[in-house]
Amino acid sequence: MATQSHKIPAQALLSGDQVGSGENVVSVSAGVRTPRGKVEVILEKNGHRRLSIWRASTVITVQRNVE
């Protein structure tokens, strides 16, 4: 499987995408506690997970597997 670099808005991130920091996206959601216009992104690297809140329209460069 090859990977390609893409620039996409945070709300369009998919599980498995790798962001510039080398972390992998676990999930993206906008729950009731999330401020309007923002998304919660759970990132994982080396078995450690963290929650990040980003603006939904923020453009993120990701590495995505191409089949």
C-alpha atoms as a PDB file:
ATOM      1  CA  MET A   1       0.000   0.000   0.000  1.00  0.00           C
ATOM      2  CA  ALA A   2       1.306   3.442  -0.920  1.00  0.00           C
ATOM      3  CA  THR A   3       0.702   6.662   0.978  1.00  0.00           C
ATOM      4  CA  GLN A   4      -0.097  10.092  -0.380  1.00  0.00           C
ATOM      5  CA  SER A   5       0.004  13.490   1.263  1.00  0.00           C
ATOM      6  CA  HIS A   6      -3.313  15.381   1.351  1.00  0.00           C
ATOM      7  CA  LYS A   7      -4.420  18.727   2.764  1.00  0.00           C
ATOM      8  CA  ILE A   8      -7.924  18.371   4.188  1.00  0.00           C
ATOM      9  CA  PRO A   9     -10.132  20.136   6.755  1.00  0.00           C
ATOM     10  CA  ALA A  10     -10.096  18.650  10.263  1.00  0.00           C
ATOM     11  CA  GLN A  11     -13.753  17.619  10.012  1.00  0.00           C
ATOM     12  CA  ALA A  12     -12.878  15.345   7.048  1.00  0.00           C
ATOM     13  CA  LEU A  13     -10.128  13.379   8.834  1.00  0.00           C
ATOM     14  CA  LEU A  14     -10.502   9.606   8.702  1.00  0.00           C
ATOM     15  CA  SER A  15      -9.472   6.970  11.190  1.00  0.00           C
ATOM     16  CA  GLY A  16      -5.974   5.806  10.273  1.00  0.00           C
ATOM     17  CA  ASP A  17      -4.793   9.120   8.788  1.00  0.00           C
ATOM     18  CA  GLN A  18      -1.331  10.146   9.979  1.00  0.00           C
ATOM     19  CA  VAL A  19      -0.860  13.832  10.850  1.00  0.00           C
ATOM     20  CA  GLY A  20       2.411  15.776  10.588  1.00  0.00           C
ATOM     21  CA  SER A  21       3.440  15.005  14.185  1.00  0.00           C
ATOM     22  CA  GLY A  22       3.481  11.286  13.351  1.00  0.00           C
ATOM     23  CA  GLU A  23       0.316  10.602  15.342  1.00  0.00           C
ATOM     24  CA  ASN A  24      -2.507   8.504  13.905  1.00  0.00           C
ATOM     25  CA  VAL A  25      -6.117   9.644  13.976  1.00  0.00           C
ATOM     26  CA  VAL A  26      -8.284   7.297  16.057  1.00  0.00           C
ATOM     27  CA  SER A  27     -11.579   9.186  15.764  1.00  0.00           C
ATOM     28  CA  VAL A  28     -13.127  12.554  14.911  1.00  0.00           C
ATOM     29  CA  SER A  29     -16.371  13.736  16.490  1.00  0.00           C
ATOM     30  CA  ALA A  30     -18.381  16.812  17.417  1.00  0.00           C
ATOM     31  CA  GLY A  31     -20.281  16.038  20.591  1.00  0.00           C
ATOM     32  CA  VAL A  32     -22.592  18.114  22.760  1.00  0.00           C
ATOM     33  CA  ARG A  33     -19.725  19.421  24.875  1.00  0.00           C
ATOM     34  CA  THR A  34     -17.668  20.455  21.841  1.00  0.00           C
ATOM     35  CA  PRO A  35     -17.858  24.194  21.080  1.00  0.00           C
ATOM     36  CA  ARG A  36     -19.664  25.153  17.863  1.00  0.00           C
ATOM     37  CA  GLY A  37     -17.408  25.001  14.802  1.00  0.00           C
ATOM     38  CA  LYS A  38     -14.867  22.687  16.440  1.00  0.00           C
ATOM     39  CA  VAL A  39     -14.211  18.933  16.374  1.00  0.00           C
ATOM     40  CA  GLU A  40     -12.649  16.552  18.883  1.00  0.00           C
ATOM     41  CA  VAL A  41      -9.810  14.508  17.402  1.00  0.00           C
ATOM     42  CA  ILE A  42      -8.348  11.557  19.292  1.00  0.00           C
ATOM     43  CA  LEU A  43      -4.726  10.974  18.274  1.00  0.00           C
ATOM     44  CA  GLU A  44      -2.465   8.023  19.106  1.00  0.00           C
ATOM     45  CA  LYS A  45       1.294   7.526  18.959  1.00  0.00           C
ATOM     46  CA  ASN A  46       3.321   4.715  20.538  1.00  0.00           C
ATOM     47  CA  GLY A  47       0.299   3.484  22.491  1.00  0.00           C
ATOM     48  CA  HIS A  48      -0.442   6.897  24.034  1.00  0.00           C
ATOM     49  CA  ARG A  49      -3.713   8.636  23.166  1.00  0.00           C
ATOM     50  CA  ARG A  50      -4.613  12.287  23.522  1.00  0.00           C
ATOM     51  CA  LEU A  51      -7.644  14.420  22.797  1.00  0.00           C
ATOM     52  CA  SER A  52      -7.227  17.548  20.709  1.00  0.00           C
ATOM     53  CA  ILE A  53      -9.895  20.109  19.858  1.00  0.00           C
ATOM     54  CA  TRP A  54      -9.450  21.758  16.455  1.00  0.00           C
ATOM     55  CA  ARG A  55     -11.529  24.154  14.375  1.00  0.00           C
ATOM     56  CA  ALA A  56     -13.525  22.083  11.897  1.00  0.00           C
ATOM     57  CA  SER A  57     -12.206  24.131   8.965  1.00  0.00           C
ATOM     58  CA  THR A  58      -8.515  23.976   9.960  1.00  0.00           C
ATOM     59  CA  VAL A  59      -6.527  22.488   7.069  1.00  0.00           C
ATOM     60  CA  ILE A  60      -4.370  19.551   8.163  1.00  0.00           C
ATOM     61  CA  THR A  61      -1.709  17.799   6.077  1.00  0.00           C
ATOM     62  CA  VAL A  62      -2.064  14.032   6.436  1.00  0.00           C
ATOM     63  CA  GLN A  63      -0.529  10.892   5.012  1.00  0.00           C
ATOM     64  CA  ARG A  64      -3.305   8.636   3.759  1.00  0.00           C
ATOM     65  CA  ASN A  65      -3.015   5.052   2.476  1.00  0.00           C
ATOM     66  CA  VAL A  66      -3.979   4.615  -1.171  1.00  0.00           C
ATOM     67  CA  GLU A  67      -5.219   1.224  -2.331  1.00  0.00           C
END
